[in-house]
Amino acid sequence: MACGTCHVILDEQSYSRAGEPSREENSVMDTVFNVTPTSRLSCQIVVADSLDNIRVKLLDPWA
């Protein structure tokens, strides 16, 4: 959780199911480009059955 290269954008429903980001995650997000209200670091999303079929948008690192 030091680099932010795993930044993804979730749709609103998926974001609410993934739980709130930690303070540390929010600190890293302050250094990431193209952050949205539903941005998360994918390395910090805990995989669980409740997350089946979440929608995740991967960003183009060259854009």
N, C-alpha and C. Protein backbone atom coordinates (compact mmCIF):
# COMPACT_ATOMS: atom_id res chain seq x y z
N MET A 1 0.84 -1.19 0.00
CA MET A 1 0.00 0.00 0.00
C MET A 1 0.88 1.25 0.00
N ALA A 2 1.98 1.20 -0.65
CA ALA A 2 2.87 2.35 -0.65
C ALA A 2 2.90 3.10 -1.96
N CYS A 3 2.42 2.49 -3.04
CA CYS A 3 2.65 3.11 -4.34
C CYS A 3 1.40 3.63 -5.04
N GLY A 4 0.25 3.05 -4.80
CA GLY A 4 -0.98 3.48 -5.45
C GLY A 4 -1.17 2.97 -6.86
N THR A 5 -0.29 2.09 -7.34
CA THR A 5 -0.44 1.60 -8.71
C THR A 5 -1.63 0.66 -8.88
N CYS A 6 -2.21 0.21 -7.79
CA CYS A 6 -3.36 -0.68 -7.87
C CYS A 6 -4.68 0.10 -7.77
N HIS A 7 -4.63 1.41 -8.02
CA HIS A 7 -5.82 2.27 -7.97
C HIS A 7 -6.86 1.79 -8.96
N VAL A 8 -8.07 1.55 -8.47
CA VAL A 8 -9.20 1.18 -9.31
C VAL A 8 -10.40 2.05 -8.93
N ILE A 9 -11.37 2.07 -9.81
CA ILE A 9 -12.61 2.79 -9.53
C ILE A 9 -13.74 1.77 -9.52
N LEU A 10 -14.50 1.77 -8.46
CA LEU A 10 -15.65 0.88 -8.32
C LEU A 10 -16.91 1.65 -8.67
N ASP A 11 -17.95 0.95 -9.12
CA ASP A 11 -19.23 1.63 -9.26
C ASP A 11 -19.77 1.86 -7.84
N GLU A 12 -20.79 2.68 -7.70
CA GLU A 12 -21.26 3.06 -6.37
C GLU A 12 -21.71 1.88 -5.53
N GLN A 13 -22.44 0.95 -6.13
CA GLN A 13 -22.92 -0.20 -5.38
C GLN A 13 -21.75 -1.08 -4.92
N SER A 14 -20.80 -1.28 -5.79
CA SER A 14 -19.63 -2.09 -5.43
C SER A 14 -18.82 -1.40 -4.34
N TYR A 15 -18.69 -0.09 -4.43
CA TYR A 15 -17.94 0.66 -3.42
C TYR A 15 -18.57 0.48 -2.05
N SER A 16 -19.88 0.56 -1.97
CA SER A 16 -20.54 0.42 -0.67
C SER A 16 -20.39 -1.00 -0.12
N ARG A 17 -20.29 -1.98 -0.98
CA ARG A 17 -20.12 -3.37 -0.54
C ARG A 17 -18.68 -3.66 -0.12
N ALA A 18 -17.72 -2.90 -0.63
CA ALA A 18 -16.31 -3.16 -0.35
C ALA A 18 -15.86 -2.61 1.00
N GLY A 19 -16.67 -1.80 1.64
CA GLY A 19 -16.29 -1.23 2.92
C GLY A 19 -15.50 0.05 2.77
N GLU A 20 -15.38 0.75 3.85
CA GLU A 20 -14.69 2.05 3.84
C GLU A 20 -13.17 1.86 3.81
N PRO A 21 -12.48 2.73 3.08
CA PRO A 21 -11.02 2.66 3.08
C PRO A 21 -10.46 3.11 4.44
N SER A 22 -9.31 2.59 4.79
CA SER A 22 -8.65 2.98 6.04
C SER A 22 -8.03 4.37 5.91
N ARG A 23 -7.64 4.93 7.01
CA ARG A 23 -6.96 6.23 7.01
C ARG A 23 -5.67 6.14 6.19
N GLU A 24 -4.95 5.03 6.34
CA GLU A 24 -3.71 4.85 5.60
C GLU A 24 -3.96 4.78 4.10
N GLU A 25 -5.03 4.07 3.71
CA GLU A 25 -5.37 4.00 2.29
C GLU A 25 -5.71 5.38 1.76
N ASN A 26 -6.48 6.14 2.51
CA ASN A 26 -6.81 7.50 2.07
C ASN A 26 -5.58 8.36 1.93
N SER A 27 -4.59 8.16 2.78
CA SER A 27 -3.33 8.92 2.66
C SER A 27 -2.62 8.61 1.35
N VAL A 28 -2.59 7.34 0.98
CA VAL A 28 -1.96 6.96 -0.30
C VAL A 28 -2.78 7.54 -1.45
N MET A 29 -4.10 7.51 -1.35
CA MET A 29 -4.96 8.03 -2.42
C MET A 29 -4.70 9.53 -2.65
N ASP A 30 -4.21 10.24 -1.64
CA ASP A 30 -3.87 11.65 -1.81
C ASP A 30 -2.72 11.86 -2.78
N THR A 31 -1.98 10.79 -3.09
CA THR A 31 -0.83 10.90 -4.00
C THR A 31 -1.12 10.33 -5.38
N VAL A 32 -2.35 9.87 -5.61
CA VAL A 32 -2.73 9.18 -6.84
C VAL A 32 -3.49 10.14 -7.76
N PHE A 33 -3.31 9.99 -9.07
CA PHE A 33 -4.02 10.81 -10.05
C PHE A 33 -5.39 10.21 -10.35
N ASN A 34 -6.30 11.05 -10.83
CA ASN A 34 -7.63 10.64 -11.31
C ASN A 34 -8.49 9.97 -10.24
N VAL A 35 -8.36 10.42 -9.00
CA VAL A 35 -9.15 9.85 -7.91
C VAL A 35 -10.60 10.31 -8.03
N THR A 36 -11.52 9.38 -7.78
CA THR A 36 -12.95 9.68 -7.78
C THR A 36 -13.51 9.35 -6.39
N PRO A 37 -14.75 9.70 -6.12
CA PRO A 37 -15.35 9.36 -4.82
C PRO A 37 -15.43 7.85 -4.56
N THR A 38 -15.36 7.04 -5.61
CA THR A 38 -15.42 5.59 -5.42
C THR A 38 -14.10 4.90 -5.75
N SER A 39 -13.01 5.64 -5.68
CA SER A 39 -11.68 5.06 -5.90
C SER A 39 -11.26 4.25 -4.69
N ARG A 40 -10.54 3.16 -4.98
CA ARG A 40 -9.96 2.33 -3.92
C ARG A 40 -8.62 1.80 -4.41
N LEU A 41 -7.80 1.36 -3.48
CA LEU A 41 -6.61 0.60 -3.81
C LEU A 41 -7.03 -0.85 -3.80
N SER A 42 -6.91 -1.51 -4.93
CA SER A 42 -7.41 -2.89 -5.01
C SER A 42 -6.70 -3.81 -4.02
N CYS A 43 -5.46 -3.50 -3.67
CA CYS A 43 -4.73 -4.34 -2.71
C CYS A 43 -5.32 -4.26 -1.31
N GLN A 44 -6.21 -3.30 -1.08
CA GLN A 44 -6.80 -3.13 0.24
C GLN A 44 -8.24 -3.62 0.33
N ILE A 45 -8.79 -4.11 -0.76
CA ILE A 45 -10.14 -4.64 -0.75
C ILE A 45 -10.07 -6.11 -0.33
N VAL A 46 -10.70 -6.42 0.78
CA VAL A 46 -10.68 -7.78 1.30
C VAL A 46 -11.66 -8.63 0.49
N VAL A 47 -11.15 -9.67 -0.13
CA VAL A 47 -11.97 -10.54 -0.96
C VAL A 47 -12.89 -11.37 -0.07
N ALA A 48 -14.19 -11.34 -0.41
CA ALA A 48 -15.19 -12.08 0.35
C ALA A 48 -16.32 -12.47 -0.59
N ASP A 49 -17.10 -13.45 -0.20
CA ASP A 49 -18.24 -13.87 -1.01
C ASP A 49 -19.21 -12.72 -1.27
N SER A 50 -19.30 -11.79 -0.34
CA SER A 50 -20.22 -10.66 -0.49
C SER A 50 -19.83 -9.73 -1.63
N LEU A 51 -18.63 -9.91 -2.17
CA LEU A 51 -18.16 -9.06 -3.26
C LEU A 51 -18.32 -9.70 -4.64
N ASP A 52 -19.02 -10.83 -4.71
CA ASP A 52 -19.26 -11.45 -6.01
C ASP A 52 -19.89 -10.43 -6.96
N ASN A 53 -19.38 -10.39 -8.17
CA ASN A 53 -19.92 -9.54 -9.24
C ASN A 53 -19.74 -8.04 -9.02
N ILE A 54 -18.71 -7.64 -8.26
CA ILE A 54 -18.47 -6.21 -8.17
C ILE A 54 -17.94 -5.72 -9.51
N ARG A 55 -18.13 -4.43 -9.77
CA ARG A 55 -17.67 -3.83 -11.02
C ARG A 55 -16.47 -2.95 -10.71
N VAL A 56 -15.36 -3.26 -11.37
CA VAL A 56 -14.10 -2.57 -11.15
C VAL A 56 -13.60 -2.00 -12.47
N LYS A 57 -13.27 -0.72 -12.47
CA LYS A 57 -12.71 -0.08 -13.67
C LYS A 57 -11.21 0.07 -13.46
N LEU A 58 -10.45 -0.49 -14.40
CA LEU A 58 -9.00 -0.32 -14.38
C LEU A 58 -8.65 0.93 -15.17
N LEU A 59 -7.69 1.67 -14.68
CA LEU A 59 -7.30 2.92 -15.33
C LEU A 59 -6.16 2.70 -16.30
N ASP A 60 -6.13 3.49 -17.34
CA ASP A 60 -5.03 3.44 -18.31
C ASP A 60 -3.86 4.21 -17.71
N PRO A 61 -2.76 3.53 -17.40
CA PRO A 61 -1.64 4.21 -16.76
C PRO A 61 -0.95 5.23 -17.67
N TRP A 62 -1.24 5.19 -18.96
CA TRP A 62 -0.60 6.09 -19.90
C TRP A 62 -1.48 7.28 -20.25
N ALA A 63 -2.68 7.32 -19.70
CA ALA A 63 -3.59 8.43 -20.01
C ALA A 63 -3.33 9.64 -19.14
